[in-house]
mmCIF file of all heavy atoms, coordinates in Angstrom:
data_MODEL
# 
_entry.id   MODEL 
# 
loop_
_atom_site.group_PDB 
_atom_site.id 
_atom_site.type_symbol 
_atom_site.label_atom_id 
_atom_site.label_alt_id 
_atom_site.label_comp_id 
_atom_site.label_asym_id 
_atom_site.label_entity_id 
_atom_site.label_seq_id 
_atom_site.pdbx_PDB_ins_code 
_atom_site.Cartn_x 
_atom_site.Cartn_y 
_atom_site.Cartn_z 
_atom_site.occupancy 
_atom_site.B_iso_or_equiv 
_atom_site.pdbx_formal_charge 
_atom_site.auth_seq_id 
_atom_site.auth_comp_id 
_atom_site.auth_asym_id 
_atom_site.auth_atom_id 
_atom_site.pdbx_PDB_model_num 
ATOM 1   N N   . VAL A 1 1  ? -18.255 21.004 8.025  1.00 0.00 ? 1  VAL A N   1 
ATOM 2   C CA  . VAL A 1 1  ? -17.513 21.919 8.880  1.00 0.00 ? 1  VAL A CA  1 
ATOM 3   C C   . VAL A 1 1  ? -16.847 22.980 7.998  1.00 0.00 ? 1  VAL A C   1 
ATOM 4   O O   . VAL A 1 1  ? -16.176 22.653 7.024  1.00 0.00 ? 1  VAL A O   1 
ATOM 5   C CB  . VAL A 1 1  ? -16.434 21.180 9.699  1.00 0.00 ? 1  VAL A CB  1 
ATOM 6   C CG1 . VAL A 1 1  ? -15.638 22.160 10.557 1.00 0.00 ? 1  VAL A CG1 1 
ATOM 7   C CG2 . VAL A 1 1  ? -17.075 20.105 10.566 1.00 0.00 ? 1  VAL A CG2 1 
ATOM 8   N N   . THR A 1 2  ? -17.081 24.243 8.336  1.00 0.00 ? 2  THR A N   1 
ATOM 9   C CA  . THR A 1 2  ? -16.427 25.344 7.626  1.00 0.00 ? 2  THR A CA  1 
ATOM 10  C C   . THR A 1 2  ? -15.287 25.841 8.508  1.00 0.00 ? 2  THR A C   1 
ATOM 11  O O   . THR A 1 2  ? -15.500 26.189 9.675  1.00 0.00 ? 2  THR A O   1 
ATOM 12  C CB  . THR A 1 2  ? -17.400 26.481 7.316  1.00 0.00 ? 2  THR A CB  1 
ATOM 13  O OG1 . THR A 1 2  ? -18.491 25.952 6.574  1.00 0.00 ? 2  THR A OG1 1 
ATOM 14  C CG2 . THR A 1 2  ? -16.720 27.584 6.526  1.00 0.00 ? 2  THR A CG2 1 
ATOM 15  N N   . MET A 1 3  ? -14.090 25.843 7.934  1.00 0.00 ? 3  MET A N   1 
ATOM 16  C CA  . MET A 1 3  ? -12.908 26.296 8.653  1.00 0.00 ? 3  MET A CA  1 
ATOM 17  C C   . MET A 1 3  ? -12.530 27.681 8.142  1.00 0.00 ? 3  MET A C   1 
ATOM 18  O O   . MET A 1 3  ? -12.517 27.919 6.922  1.00 0.00 ? 3  MET A O   1 
ATOM 19  C CB  . MET A 1 3  ? -11.758 25.314 8.448  1.00 0.00 ? 3  MET A CB  1 
ATOM 20  C CG  . MET A 1 3  ? -12.074 23.948 9.024  1.00 0.00 ? 3  MET A CG  1 
ATOM 21  S SD  . MET A 1 3  ? -11.165 22.623 8.229  1.00 0.00 ? 3  MET A SD  1 
ATOM 22  C CE  . MET A 1 3  ? -11.729 22.730 6.559  1.00 0.00 ? 3  MET A CE  1 
ATOM 23  N N   . TYR A 1 4  ? -12.231 28.582 9.067  1.00 0.00 ? 4  TYR A N   1 
ATOM 24  C CA  . TYR A 1 4  ? -11.859 29.957 8.724  1.00 0.00 ? 4  TYR A CA  1 
ATOM 25  C C   . TYR A 1 4  ? -10.417 30.204 9.167  1.00 0.00 ? 4  TYR A C   1 
ATOM 26  O O   . TYR A 1 4  ? -10.027 29.844 10.275 1.00 0.00 ? 4  TYR A O   1 
ATOM 27  C CB  . TYR A 1 4  ? -12.776 30.961 9.433  1.00 0.00 ? 4  TYR A CB  1 
ATOM 28  C CG  . TYR A 1 4  ? -14.217 30.826 9.028  1.00 0.00 ? 4  TYR A CG  1 
ATOM 29  C CD1 . TYR A 1 4  ? -15.111 30.117 9.817  1.00 0.00 ? 4  TYR A CD1 1 
ATOM 30  C CD2 . TYR A 1 4  ? -14.676 31.400 7.847  1.00 0.00 ? 4  TYR A CD2 1 
ATOM 31  C CE1 . TYR A 1 4  ? -16.435 29.996 9.442  1.00 0.00 ? 4  TYR A CE1 1 
ATOM 32  C CE2 . TYR A 1 4  ? -16.002 31.270 7.470  1.00 0.00 ? 4  TYR A CE2 1 
ATOM 33  C CZ  . TYR A 1 4  ? -16.878 30.580 8.279  1.00 0.00 ? 4  TYR A CZ  1 
ATOM 34  O OH  . TYR A 1 4  ? -18.188 30.446 7.911  1.00 0.00 ? 4  TYR A OH  1 
ATOM 35  N N   . ASP A 1 5  ? -9.659  30.824 8.291  1.00 0.00 ? 5  ASP A N   1 
ATOM 36  C CA  . ASP A 1 5  ? -8.276  31.205 8.568  1.00 0.00 ? 5  ASP A CA  1 
ATOM 37  C C   . ASP A 1 5  ? -8.194  32.717 8.375  1.00 0.00 ? 5  ASP A C   1 
ATOM 38  O O   . ASP A 1 5  ? -8.354  33.223 7.272  1.00 0.00 ? 5  ASP A O   1 
ATOM 39  C CB  . ASP A 1 5  ? -7.335  30.469 7.600  1.00 0.00 ? 5  ASP A CB  1 
ATOM 40  C CG  . ASP A 1 5  ? -5.881  30.578 7.982  1.00 0.00 ? 5  ASP A CG  1 
ATOM 41  O OD1 . ASP A 1 5  ? -5.588  30.956 9.135  1.00 0.00 ? 5  ASP A OD1 1 
ATOM 42  O OD2 . ASP A 1 5  ? -5.037  30.302 7.117  1.00 0.00 ? 5  ASP A OD2 1 
ATOM 43  N N   . HIS A 1 6  ? -7.997  33.442 9.471  1.00 0.00 ? 6  HIS A N   1 
ATOM 44  C CA  . HIS A 1 6  ? -8.087  34.896 9.491  1.00 0.00 ? 6  HIS A CA  1 
ATOM 45  C C   . HIS A 1 6  ? -6.728  35.474 9.863  1.00 0.00 ? 6  HIS A C   1 
ATOM 46  O O   . HIS A 1 6  ? -6.176  35.136 10.905 1.00 0.00 ? 6  HIS A O   1 
ATOM 47  C CB  . HIS A 1 6  ? -9.152  35.279 10.531 1.00 0.00 ? 6  HIS A CB  1 
ATOM 48  C CG  . HIS A 1 6  ? -9.353  36.735 10.717 1.00 0.00 ? 6  HIS A CG  1 
ATOM 49  N ND1 . HIS A 1 6  ? -9.451  37.302 11.942 1.00 0.00 ? 6  HIS A ND1 1 
ATOM 50  C CD2 . HIS A 1 6  ? -9.487  37.743 9.834  1.00 0.00 ? 6  HIS A CD2 1 
ATOM 51  C CE1 . HIS A 1 6  ? -9.632  38.602 11.824 1.00 0.00 ? 6  HIS A CE1 1 
ATOM 52  N NE2 . HIS A 1 6  ? -9.654  38.886 10.546 1.00 0.00 ? 6  HIS A NE2 1 
ATOM 53  N N   . HIS A 1 7  ? -6.199  36.362 9.005  1.00 0.00 ? 7  HIS A N   1 
ATOM 54  C CA  . HIS A 1 7  ? -4.922  37.032 9.263  1.00 0.00 ? 7  HIS A CA  1 
ATOM 55  C C   . HIS A 1 7  ? -5.156  38.532 9.223  1.00 0.00 ? 7  HIS A C   1 
ATOM 56  O O   . HIS A 1 7  ? -5.808  39.036 8.295  1.00 0.00 ? 7  HIS A O   1 
ATOM 57  C CB  . HIS A 1 7  ? -3.886  36.661 8.192  1.00 0.00 ? 7  HIS A CB  1 
ATOM 58  C CG  . HIS A 1 7  ? -3.611  35.199 8.125  1.00 0.00 ? 7  HIS A CG  1 
ATOM 59  N ND1 . HIS A 1 7  ? -2.618  34.611 8.868  1.00 0.00 ? 7  HIS A ND1 1 
ATOM 60  C CD2 . HIS A 1 7  ? -4.211  34.216 7.436  1.00 0.00 ? 7  HIS A CD2 1 
ATOM 61  C CE1 . HIS A 1 7  ? -2.614  33.316 8.619  1.00 0.00 ? 7  HIS A CE1 1 
ATOM 62  N NE2 . HIS A 1 7  ? -3.577  33.040 7.754  1.00 0.00 ? 7  HIS A NE2 1 
ATOM 63  N N   . SER A 1 8  ? -4.633  39.238 10.223 1.00 0.00 ? 8  SER A N   1 
ATOM 64  C CA  . SER A 1 8  ? -4.827  40.684 10.221 1.00 0.00 ? 8  SER A CA  1 
ATOM 65  C C   . SER A 1 8  ? -3.601  41.399 10.793 1.00 0.00 ? 8  SER A C   1 
ATOM 66  O O   . SER A 1 8  ? -2.836  40.834 11.575 1.00 0.00 ? 8  SER A O   1 
ATOM 67  C CB  . SER A 1 8  ? -6.067  41.077 11.021 1.00 0.00 ? 8  SER A CB  1 
ATOM 68  O OG  . SER A 1 8  ? -5.899  40.775 12.390 1.00 0.00 ? 8  SER A OG  1 
ATOM 69  N N   . ILE A 1 9  ? -3.458  42.631 10.359 1.00 0.00 ? 9  ILE A N   1 
ATOM 70  C CA  . ILE A 1 9  ? -2.479  43.551 10.918 1.00 0.00 ? 9  ILE A CA  1 
ATOM 71  C C   . ILE A 1 9  ? -3.199  44.886 11.055 1.00 0.00 ? 9  ILE A C   1 
ATOM 72  O O   . ILE A 1 9  ? -3.968  45.274 10.173 1.00 0.00 ? 9  ILE A O   1 
ATOM 73  C CB  . ILE A 1 9  ? -1.223  43.689 10.016 1.00 0.00 ? 9  ILE A CB  1 
ATOM 74  C CG1 . ILE A 1 9  ? -0.211  44.683 10.629 1.00 0.00 ? 9  ILE A CG1 1 
ATOM 75  C CG2 . ILE A 1 9  ? -1.578  44.067 8.595  1.00 0.00 ? 9  ILE A CG2 1 
ATOM 76  C CD1 . ILE A 1 9  ? 1.127   44.743 9.884  1.00 0.00 ? 9  ILE A CD1 1 
ATOM 77  N N   . GLY A 1 10 ? -2.993  45.541 12.160 1.00 0.00 ? 10 GLY A N   1 
ATOM 78  C CA  . GLY A 1 10 ? -3.637  46.832 12.362 1.00 0.00 ? 10 GLY A CA  1 
ATOM 79  C C   . GLY A 1 10 ? -2.951  47.609 13.462 1.00 0.00 ? 10 GLY A C   1 
ATOM 80  O O   . GLY A 1 10 ? -2.301  47.033 14.333 1.00 0.00 ? 10 GLY A O   1 
ATOM 81  N N   . GLY A 1 11 ? -3.078  48.926 13.375 1.00 0.00 ? 11 GLY A N   1 
ATOM 82  C CA  . GLY A 1 11 ? -2.489  49.763 14.411 1.00 0.00 ? 11 GLY A CA  1 
ATOM 83  C C   . GLY A 1 11 ? -2.451  51.223 13.994 1.00 0.00 ? 11 GLY A C   1 
ATOM 84  O O   . GLY A 1 11 ? -3.071  51.622 13.011 1.00 0.00 ? 11 GLY A O   1 
ATOM 85  N N   . ARG A 1 12 ? -1.693  52.001 14.736 1.00 0.00 ? 12 ARG A N   1 
ATOM 86  C CA  . ARG A 1 12 ? -1.639  53.438 14.505 1.00 0.00 ? 12 ARG A CA  1 
ATOM 87  C C   . ARG A 1 12 ? -0.277  53.849 13.949 1.00 0.00 ? 12 ARG A C   1 
ATOM 88  O O   . ARG A 1 12 ? 0.717   53.154 14.129 1.00 0.00 ? 12 ARG A O   1 
ATOM 89  C CB  . ARG A 1 12 ? -1.933  54.198 15.792 1.00 0.00 ? 12 ARG A CB  1 
ATOM 90  C CG  . ARG A 1 12 ? -0.821  54.120 16.811 1.00 0.00 ? 12 ARG A CG  1 
ATOM 91  C CD  . ARG A 1 12 ? -1.165  54.928 18.084 1.00 0.00 ? 12 ARG A CD  1 
ATOM 92  N NE  . ARG A 1 12 ? -0.062  54.915 19.008 1.00 0.00 ? 12 ARG A NE  1 
ATOM 93  C CZ  . ARG A 1 12 ? 0.219   53.957 19.867 1.00 0.00 ? 12 ARG A CZ  1 
ATOM 94  N NH1 . ARG A 1 12 ? -0.546  52.883 19.926 1.00 0.00 ? 12 ARG A NH1 1 
ATOM 95  N NH2 . ARG A 1 12 ? 1.252   54.052 20.669 1.00 0.00 ? 12 ARG A NH2 1 
ATOM 96  N N   . TYR A 1 13 ? -0.281  54.991 13.320 1.00 0.00 ? 13 TYR A N   1 
ATOM 97  C CA  . TYR A 1 13 ? 0.956   55.598 12.837 1.00 0.00 ? 13 TYR A CA  1 
ATOM 98  C C   . TYR A 1 13 ? 1.330   56.746 13.768 1.00 0.00 ? 13 TYR A C   1 
ATOM 99  O O   . TYR A 1 13 ? 0.492   57.582 14.097 1.00 0.00 ? 13 TYR A O   1 
ATOM 100 C CB  . TYR A 1 13 ? 0.795   56.101 11.406 1.00 0.00 ? 13 TYR A CB  1 
ATOM 101 C CG  . TYR A 1 13 ? 0.802   54.986 10.400 1.00 0.00 ? 13 TYR A CG  1 
ATOM 102 C CD1 . TYR A 1 13 ? -0.364  54.323 10.062 1.00 0.00 ? 13 TYR A CD1 1 
ATOM 103 C CD2 . TYR A 1 13 ? 1.988   54.570 9.813  1.00 0.00 ? 13 TYR A CD2 1 
ATOM 104 C CE1 . TYR A 1 13 ? -0.361  53.283 9.152  1.00 0.00 ? 13 TYR A CE1 1 
ATOM 105 C CE2 . TYR A 1 13 ? 2.004   53.519 8.898  1.00 0.00 ? 13 TYR A CE2 1 
ATOM 106 C CZ  . TYR A 1 13 ? 0.831   52.883 8.574  1.00 0.00 ? 13 TYR A CZ  1 
ATOM 107 O OH  . TYR A 1 13 ? 0.837   51.852 7.674  1.00 0.00 ? 13 TYR A OH  1 
ATOM 108 N N   . GLU A 1 14 ? 2.581   56.756 14.181 1.00 0.00 ? 14 GLU A N   1 
ATOM 109 C CA  . GLU A 1 14 ? 3.086   57.820 15.041 1.00 0.00 ? 14 GLU A CA  1 
ATOM 110 C C   . GLU A 1 14 ? 3.404   59.058 14.194 1.00 0.00 ? 14 GLU A C   1 
ATOM 111 O O   . GLU A 1 14 ? 3.456   58.986 12.962 1.00 0.00 ? 14 GLU A O   1 
ATOM 112 C CB  . GLU A 1 14 ? 4.347   57.346 15.776 1.00 0.00 ? 14 GLU A CB  1 
ATOM 113 C CG  . GLU A 1 14 ? 4.141   56.126 16.652 1.00 0.00 ? 14 GLU A CG  1 
ATOM 114 C CD  . GLU A 1 14 ? 3.248   56.378 17.860 1.00 0.00 ? 14 GLU A CD  1 
ATOM 115 O OE1 . GLU A 1 14 ? 3.003   57.552 18.211 1.00 0.00 ? 14 GLU A OE1 1 
ATOM 116 O OE2 . GLU A 1 14 ? 2.774   55.404 18.451 1.00 0.00 ? 14 GLU A OE2 1 
ATOM 117 N N   . ASP A 1 15 ? 3.640   60.184 14.853 1.00 0.00 ? 15 ASP A N   1 
ATOM 118 C CA  . ASP A 1 15 ? 3.960   61.420 14.146 1.00 0.00 ? 15 ASP A CA  1 
ATOM 119 C C   . ASP A 1 15 ? 5.202   61.296 13.271 1.00 0.00 ? 15 ASP A C   1 
ATOM 120 O O   . ASP A 1 15 ? 5.313   61.970 12.249 1.00 0.00 ? 15 ASP A O   1 
ATOM 121 C CB  . ASP A 1 15 ? 4.135   62.585 15.140 1.00 0.00 ? 15 ASP A CB  1 
ATOM 122 C CG  . ASP A 1 15 ? 2.801   63.011 15.751 1.00 0.00 ? 15 ASP A CG  1 
ATOM 123 O OD1 . ASP A 1 15 ? 1.747   62.760 15.130 1.00 0.00 ? 15 ASP A OD1 1 
ATOM 124 O OD2 . ASP A 1 15 ? 2.830   63.594 16.855 1.00 0.00 ? 15 ASP A OD2 1 
ATOM 125 N N   . ASP A 1 16 ? 6.125   60.421 13.668 1.00 0.00 ? 16 ASP A N   1 
ATOM 126 C CA  . ASP A 1 16 ? 7.345   60.238 12.869 1.00 0.00 ? 16 ASP A CA  1 
ATOM 127 C C   . ASP A 1 16 ? 7.148   59.261 11.702 1.00 0.00 ? 16 ASP A C   1 
ATOM 128 O O   . ASP A 1 16 ? 8.077   58.952 10.971 1.00 0.00 ? 16 ASP A O   1 
ATOM 129 C CB  . ASP A 1 16 ? 8.507   59.778 13.745 1.00 0.00 ? 16 ASP A CB  1 
ATOM 130 C CG  . ASP A 1 16 ? 8.300   58.389 14.346 1.00 0.00 ? 16 ASP A CG  1 
ATOM 131 O OD1 . ASP A 1 16 ? 7.262   57.741 14.080 1.00 0.00 ? 16 ASP A OD1 1 
ATOM 132 O OD2 . ASP A 1 16 ? 9.195   57.934 15.091 1.00 0.00 ? 16 ASP A OD2 1 
ATOM 133 N N   . GLY A 1 17 ? 5.900   58.759 11.534 1.00 0.00 ? 17 GLY A N   1 
ATOM 134 C CA  . GLY A 1 17 ? 5.598   57.846 10.437 1.00 0.00 ? 17 GLY A CA  1 
ATOM 135 C C   . GLY A 1 17 ? 5.760   56.379 10.781 1.00 0.00 ? 17 GLY A C   1 
ATOM 136 O O   . GLY A 1 17 ? 5.408   55.510 9.979  1.00 0.00 ? 17 GLY A O   1 
ATOM 137 N N   . SER A 1 18 ? 6.284   56.070 11.961 1.00 0.00 ? 18 SER A N   1 
ATOM 138 C CA  . SER A 1 18 ? 6.458   54.664 12.341 1.00 0.00 ? 18 SER A CA  1 
ATOM 139 C C   . SER A 1 18 ? 5.102   54.044 12.672 1.00 0.00 ? 18 SER A C   1 
ATOM 140 O O   . SER A 1 18 ? 4.151   54.730 13.045 1.00 0.00 ? 18 SER A O   1 
ATOM 141 C CB  . SER A 1 18 ? 7.413   54.537 13.524 1.00 0.00 ? 18 SER A CB  1 
ATOM 142 O OG  . SER A 1 18 ? 6.880   55.194 14.669 1.00 0.00 ? 18 SER A OG  1 
ATOM 143 N N   . PHE A 1 19 ? 5.028   52.739 12.511 1.00 0.00 ? 19 PHE A N   1 
ATOM 144 C CA  . PHE A 1 19 ? 3.787   51.994 12.730 1.00 0.00 ? 19 PHE A CA  1 
ATOM 145 C C   . PHE A 1 19 ? 3.851   51.256 14.051 1.00 0.00 ? 19 PHE A C   1 
ATOM 146 O O   . PHE A 1 19 ? 4.845   50.591 14.359 1.00 0.00 ? 19 PHE A O   1 
ATOM 147 C CB  . PHE A 1 19 ? 3.583   50.997 11.578 1.00 0.00 ? 19 PHE A CB  1 
ATOM 148 C CG  . PHE A 1 19 ? 2.354   50.152 11.724 1.00 0.00 ? 19 PHE A CG  1 
ATOM 149 C CD1 . PHE A 1 19 ? 1.103   50.682 11.489 1.00 0.00 ? 19 PHE A CD1 1 
ATOM 150 C CD2 . PHE A 1 19 ? 2.459   48.823 12.100 1.00 0.00 ? 19 PHE A CD2 1 
ATOM 151 C CE1 . PHE A 1 19 ? -0.039  49.902 11.624 1.00 0.00 ? 19 PHE A CE1 1 
ATOM 152 C CE2 . PHE A 1 19 ? 1.323   48.033 12.233 1.00 0.00 ? 19 PHE A CE2 1 
ATOM 153 C CZ  . PHE A 1 19 ? 0.076   48.586 11.993 1.00 0.00 ? 19 PHE A CZ  1 
ATOM 154 N N   . ARG A 1 20 ? 2.799   51.355 14.840 1.00 0.00 ? 20 ARG A N   1 
ATOM 155 C CA  . ARG A 1 20 ? 2.680   50.640 16.114 1.00 0.00 ? 20 ARG A CA  1 
ATOM 156 C C   . ARG A 1 20 ? 1.418   49.797 16.041 1.00 0.00 ? 20 ARG A C   1 
ATOM 157 O O   . ARG A 1 20 ? 0.311   50.319 16.067 1.00 0.00 ? 20 ARG A O   1 
ATOM 158 C CB  . ARG A 1 20 ? 2.566   51.614 17.284 1.00 0.00 ? 20 ARG A CB  1 
ATOM 159 C CG  . ARG A 1 20 ? 3.730   52.551 17.430 1.00 0.00 ? 20 ARG A CG  1 
ATOM 160 C CD  . ARG A 1 20 ? 4.949   51.816 17.973 1.00 0.00 ? 20 ARG A CD  1 
ATOM 161 N NE  . ARG A 1 20 ? 6.076   52.708 18.078 1.00 0.00 ? 20 ARG A NE  1 
ATOM 162 C CZ  . ARG A 1 20 ? 7.134   52.706 17.281 1.00 0.00 ? 20 ARG A CZ  1 
ATOM 163 N NH1 . ARG A 1 20 ? 7.216   51.845 16.297 1.00 0.00 ? 20 ARG A NH1 1 
ATOM 164 N NH2 . ARG A 1 20 ? 8.112   53.543 17.440 1.00 0.00 ? 20 ARG A NH2 1 
ATOM 165 N N   . GLY A 1 21 ? 1.594   48.481 15.912 1.00 0.00 ? 21 GLY A N   1 
ATOM 166 C CA  . GLY A 1 21 ? 0.423   47.643 15.761 1.00 0.00 ? 21 GLY A CA  1 
ATOM 167 C C   . GLY A 1 21 ? 0.662   46.200 16.140 1.00 0.00 ? 21 GLY A C   1 
ATOM 168 O O   . GLY A 1 21 ? 1.701   45.848 16.698 1.00 0.00 ? 21 GLY A O   1 
ATOM 169 N N   . THR A 1 22 ? -0.300  45.384 15.792 1.00 0.00 ? 22 THR A N   1 
ATOM 170 C CA  . THR A 1 22 ? -0.283  43.960 16.129 1.00 0.00 ? 22 THR A CA  1 
ATOM 171 C C   . THR A 1 22 ? -0.802  43.159 14.949 1.00 0.00 ? 22 THR A C   1 
ATOM 172 O O   . THR A 1 22 ? -1.687  43.601 14.229 1.00 0.00 ? 22 THR A O   1 
ATOM 173 C CB  . THR A 1 22 ? -1.197  43.693 17.351 1.00 0.00 ? 22 THR A CB  1 
ATOM 174 O OG1 . THR A 1 22 ? -0.765  44.510 18.433 1.00 0.00 ? 22 THR A OG1 1 
ATOM 175 C CG2 . THR A 1 22 ? -1.153  42.232 17.775 1.00 0.00 ? 22 THR A CG2 1 
ATOM 176 N N   . CYS A 1 23 ? -0.228  41.980 14.774 1.00 0.00 ? 23 CYS A N   1 
ATOM 177 C CA  . CYS A 1 23 ? -0.745  40.997 13.827 1.00 0.00 ? 23 CYS A CA  1 
ATOM 178 C C   . CYS A 1 23 ? -1.498  39.938 14.621 1.00 0.00 ? 23 CYS A C   1 
ATOM 179 O O   . CYS A 1 23 ? -1.133  39.618 15.742 1.00 0.00 ? 23 CYS A O   1 
ATOM 180 C CB  . CYS A 1 23 ? 0.398   40.315 13.070 1.00 0.00 ? 23 CYS A CB  1 
ATOM 181 S SG  . CYS A 1 23 ? 1.250   41.374 11.914 1.00 0.00 ? 23 CYS A SG  1 
ATOM 182 N N   . TRP A 1 24 ? -2.543  39.417 14.017 1.00 0.00 ? 24 TRP A N   1 
ATOM 183 C CA  . TRP A 1 24 ? -3.310  38.323 14.615 1.00 0.00 ? 24 TRP A CA  1 
ATOM 184 C C   . TRP A 1 24 ? -3.479  37.215 13.586 1.00 0.00 ? 24 TRP A C   1 
ATOM 185 O O   . TRP A 1 24 ? -3.752  37.492 12.411 1.00 0.00 ? 24 TRP A O   1 
ATOM 186 C CB  . TRP A 1 24 ? -4.698  38.791 15.050 1.00 0.00 ? 24 TRP A CB  1 
ATOM 187 C CG  . TRP A 1 24 ? -4.699  39.599 16.300 1.00 0.00 ? 24 TRP A CG  1 
ATOM 188 C CD1 . TRP A 1 24 ? -4.558  40.954 16.408 1.00 0.00 ? 24 TRP A CD1 1 
ATOM 189 C CD2 . TRP A 1 24 ? -4.825  39.102 17.631 1.00 0.00 ? 24 TRP A CD2 1 
ATOM 190 N NE1 . TRP A 1 24 ? -4.599  41.327 17.728 1.00 0.00 ? 24 TRP A NE1 1 
ATOM 191 C CE2 . TRP A 1 24 ? -4.763  40.212 18.497 1.00 0.00 ? 24 TRP A CE2 1 
ATOM 192 C CE3 . TRP A 1 24 ? -4.998  37.829 18.176 1.00 0.00 ? 24 TRP A CE3 1 
ATOM 193 C CZ2 . TRP A 1 24 ? -4.863  40.084 19.877 1.00 0.00 ? 24 TRP A CZ2 1 
ATOM 194 C CZ3 . TRP A 1 24 ? -5.097  37.712 19.543 1.00 0.00 ? 24 TRP A CZ3 1 
ATOM 195 C CH2 . TRP A 1 24 ? -5.036  38.827 20.385 1.00 0.00 ? 24 TRP A CH2 1 
ATOM 196 N N   . THR A 1 25 ? -3.336  35.999 14.037 1.00 0.00 ? 25 THR A N   1 
ATOM 197 C CA  . THR A 1 25 ? -3.660  34.824 13.239 1.00 0.00 ? 25 THR A CA  1 
ATOM 198 C C   . THR A 1 25 ? -4.688  34.041 14.042 1.00 0.00 ? 25 THR A C   1 
ATOM 199 O O   . THR A 1 25 ? -4.433  33.651 15.178 1.00 0.00 ? 25 THR A O   1 
ATOM 200 C CB  . THR A 1 25 ? -2.421  33.950 12.973 1.00 0.00 ? 25 THR A CB  1 
ATOM 201 O OG1 . THR A 1 25 ? -1.453  34.750 12.295 1.00 0.00 ? 25 THR A OG1 1 
ATOM 202 C CG2 . THR A 1 25 ? -2.763  32.748 12.135 1.00 0.00 ? 25 THR A CG2 1 
ATOM 203 N N   . THR A 1 26 ? -5.858  33.846 13.434 1.00 0.00 ? 26 THR A N   1 
ATOM 204 C CA  . THR A 1 26 ? -6.953  33.178 14.135 1.00 0.00 ? 26 THR A CA  1 
ATOM 205 C C   . THR A 1 26 ? -7.540  32.091 13.248 1.00 0.00 ? 26 THR A C   1 
ATOM 206 O O   . THR A 1 26 ? -7.784  32.322 12.070 1.00 0.00 ? 26 THR A O   1 
ATOM 207 C CB  . THR A 1 26 ? -8.058  34.193 14.506 1.00 0.00 ? 26 THR A CB  1 
ATOM 208 O OG1 . THR A 1 26 ? -7.491  35.226 15.303 1.00 0.00 ? 26 THR A OG1 1 
ATOM 209 C CG2 . THR A 1 26 ? -9.202  33.531 15.249 1.00 0.00 ? 26 THR A CG2 1 
ATOM 210 N N   . GLN A 1 27 ? -7.722  30.916 13.821 1.00 0.00 ? 27 GLN A N   1 
ATOM 211 C CA  . GLN A 1 27 ? -8.410  29.826 13.134 1.00 0.00 ? 27 GLN A CA  1 
ATOM 212 C C   . GLN A 1 27 ? -9.687  29.529 13.917 1.00 0.00 ? 27 GLN A C   1 
ATOM 213 O O   . GLN A 1 27 ? -9.668  29.504 15.147 1.00 0.00 ? 27 GLN A O   1 
ATOM 214 C CB  . GLN A 1 27 ? -7.552  28.546 13.073 1.00 0.00 ? 27 GLN A CB  1 
ATOM 215 C CG  . GLN A 1 27 ? -6.432  28.595 12.057 1.00 0.00 ? 27 GLN A CG  1 
ATOM 216 C CD  . GLN A 1 27 ? -5.202  29.287 12.594 1.00 0.00 ? 27 GLN A CD  1 
ATOM 217 O OE1 . GLN A 1 27 ? -4.905  29.215 13.782 1.00 0.00 ? 27 GLN A OE1 1 
ATOM 218 N NE2 . GLN A 1 27 ? -4.485  29.977 11.730 1.00 0.00 ? 27 GLN A NE2 1 
ATOM 219 N N   . SER A 1 28 ? -10.763 29.333 13.175 1.00 0.00 ? 28 SER A N   1 
ATOM 220 C CA  . SER A 1 28 ? -12.030 28.977 13.815 1.00 0.00 ? 28 SER A CA  1 
ATOM 221 C C   . SER A 1 28 ? -12.775 27.998 12.924 1.00 0.00 ? 28 SER A C   1 
ATOM 222 O O   . SER A 1 28 ? -12.442 27.819 11.754 1.00 0.00 ? 28 SER A O   1 
ATOM 223 C CB  . SER A 1 28 ? -12.875 30.231 14.090 1.00 0.00 ? 28 SER A CB  1 
ATOM 224 O OG  . SER A 1 28 ? -13.145 30.923 12.887 1.00 0.00 ? 28 SER A OG  1 
# 
C-alpha cells in the first residue's frame, strides 16, 4: 500500500497585495 500525504496552499493576490486562498490537506 502506498500512502500519499498532500499539502497545498493556493490562491490569488488582490491589488493591495493581500492573499486570498485555501490550504488543503489530503491523504490517499
